[in-house]
Amino acid sequence: MNRNGCILNEIGLGPLMDRIIMMYLLPVCLKLYPEYLEHGLDAHHSFIVDYGVGKDTSLGVHDDN
């Protein structure tokens, strides 16, 4: 993970993100992309990062999944 960020599930905010996603984001996404969400959502990888000049300059190529 980025040195200036954290995975929300690791600090106990996974259940909060579940509620936010199901109550607010999923209904919007279902309207916009119904063909991709016919089976709903099964997981998320929620995180926050503080980006800035000179921070994590060697992060390189990676996959946020």
C-alpha atoms as a PDB file:
ATOM      1  CA  MET A   1       0.000   0.000   0.000  1.00  0.00           C
ATOM      2  CA  ASN A   2       0.983   3.583  -0.464  1.00  0.00           C
ATOM      3  CA  ARG A   3       2.973   4.972   2.490  1.00  0.00           C
ATOM      4  CA  ASN A   4       0.478   7.838   2.725  1.00  0.00           C
ATOM      5  CA  GLY A   5      -2.718   5.813   2.650  1.00  0.00           C
ATOM      6  CA  CYS A   6      -4.621   2.977   4.232  1.00  0.00           C
ATOM      7  CA  ILE A   7      -7.064   0.229   3.363  1.00  0.00           C
ATOM      8  CA  LEU A   8     -10.328   1.126   5.084  1.00  0.00           C
ATOM      9  CA  ASN A   9     -11.232  -2.464   5.936  1.00  0.00           C
ATOM     10  CA  GLU A  10      -7.971  -2.808   7.885  1.00  0.00           C
ATOM     11  CA  ILE A  11      -8.949   0.027  10.220  1.00  0.00           C
ATOM     12  CA  GLY A  12     -12.502  -1.202  10.828  1.00  0.00           C
ATOM     13  CA  LEU A  13     -14.339   0.886   8.238  1.00  0.00           C
ATOM     14  CA  GLY A  14     -15.307  -2.017   5.966  1.00  0.00           C
ATOM     15  CA  PRO A  15     -18.881  -2.247   7.317  1.00  0.00           C
ATOM     16  CA  LEU A  16     -19.359   1.506   6.885  1.00  0.00           C
ATOM     17  CA  MET A  17     -18.168   1.301   3.281  1.00  0.00           C
ATOM     18  CA  ASP A  18     -20.513  -1.666   2.694  1.00  0.00           C
ATOM     19  CA  ARG A  19     -23.464   0.507   3.775  1.00  0.00           C
ATOM     20  CA  ILE A  20     -22.366   3.546   1.746  1.00  0.00           C
ATOM     21  CA  ILE A  21     -21.871   1.444  -1.362  1.00  0.00           C
ATOM     22  CA  MET A  22     -25.159  -0.456  -1.024  1.00  0.00           C
ATOM     23  CA  MET A  23     -27.285   2.575  -0.070  1.00  0.00           C
ATOM     24  CA  TYR A  24     -25.840   5.247  -2.353  1.00  0.00           C
ATOM     25  CA  LEU A  25     -23.402   4.007  -4.990  1.00  0.00           C
ATOM     26  CA  LEU A  26     -25.027   0.750  -6.097  1.00  0.00           C
ATOM     27  CA  PRO A  27     -28.400   2.333  -7.027  1.00  0.00           C
ATOM     28  CA  VAL A  28     -26.623   4.919  -9.204  1.00  0.00           C
ATOM     29  CA  CYS A  29     -24.359   2.296 -10.781  1.00  0.00           C
ATOM     30  CA  LEU A  30     -27.348   0.041 -11.511  1.00  0.00           C
ATOM     31  CA  LYS A  31     -28.968   2.879 -13.452  1.00  0.00           C
ATOM     32  CA  LEU A  32     -25.774   3.685 -15.367  1.00  0.00           C
ATOM     33  CA  TYR A  33     -24.342   0.189 -15.929  1.00  0.00           C
ATOM     34  CA  PRO A  34     -27.077  -2.431 -15.480  1.00  0.00           C
ATOM     35  CA  GLU A  35     -25.385  -4.848 -17.886  1.00  0.00           C
ATOM     36  CA  TYR A  36     -22.327  -5.081 -15.609  1.00  0.00           C
ATOM     37  CA  LEU A  37     -24.230  -5.429 -12.346  1.00  0.00           C
ATOM     38  CA  GLU A  38     -26.957  -7.943 -13.111  1.00  0.00           C
ATOM     39  CA  HIS A  39     -25.618 -10.096 -10.223  1.00  0.00           C
ATOM     40  CA  GLY A  40     -24.957  -7.129  -7.913  1.00  0.00           C
ATOM     41  CA  LEU A  41     -21.698  -6.471  -6.109  1.00  0.00           C
ATOM     42  CA  ASP A  42     -19.776  -9.045  -4.115  1.00  0.00           C
ATOM     43  CA  ALA A  43     -16.694  -7.171  -2.872  1.00  0.00           C
ATOM     44  CA  HIS A  44     -14.865  -3.863  -2.698  1.00  0.00           C
ATOM     45  CA  HIS A  45     -11.330  -2.719  -1.989  1.00  0.00           C
ATOM     46  CA  SER A  46     -11.774   0.719  -0.443  1.00  0.00           C
ATOM     47  CA  PHE A  47      -8.812   2.863   0.454  1.00  0.00           C
ATOM     48  CA  ILE A  48      -7.738   6.452   0.915  1.00  0.00           C
ATOM     49  CA  VAL A  49      -4.459   7.967  -0.207  1.00  0.00           C
ATOM     50  CA  ASP A  50      -2.821  11.333   0.365  1.00  0.00           C
ATOM     51  CA  TYR A  51      -1.104  12.060  -2.945  1.00  0.00           C
ATOM     52  CA  GLY A  52       1.368  14.880  -3.291  1.00  0.00           C
ATOM     53  CA  VAL A  53       4.554  16.063  -4.931  1.00  0.00           C
ATOM     54  CA  GLY A  54       7.487  14.041  -3.618  1.00  0.00           C
ATOM     55  CA  LYS A  55       5.340  11.406  -1.877  1.00  0.00           C
ATOM     56  CA  ASP A  56       5.847   7.758  -2.886  1.00  0.00           C
ATOM     57  CA  THR A  57       7.826   8.690  -5.974  1.00  0.00           C
ATOM     58  CA  SER A  58       8.887   5.054  -6.497  1.00  0.00           C
ATOM     59  CA  LEU A  59       5.448   3.453  -6.202  1.00  0.00           C
ATOM     60  CA  GLY A  60       5.842   2.084  -9.759  1.00  0.00           C
ATOM     61  CA  VAL A  61       3.366  -0.001 -11.697  1.00  0.00           C
ATOM     62  CA  HIS A  62       0.866  -1.817  -9.487  1.00  0.00           C
ATOM     63  CA  ASP A  63      -2.674  -3.162  -9.447  1.00  0.00           C
ATOM     64  CA  ASP A  64      -5.285  -1.798  -7.022  1.00  0.00           C
ATOM     65  CA  ASN A  65      -7.691  -4.707  -6.815  1.00  0.00           C
END
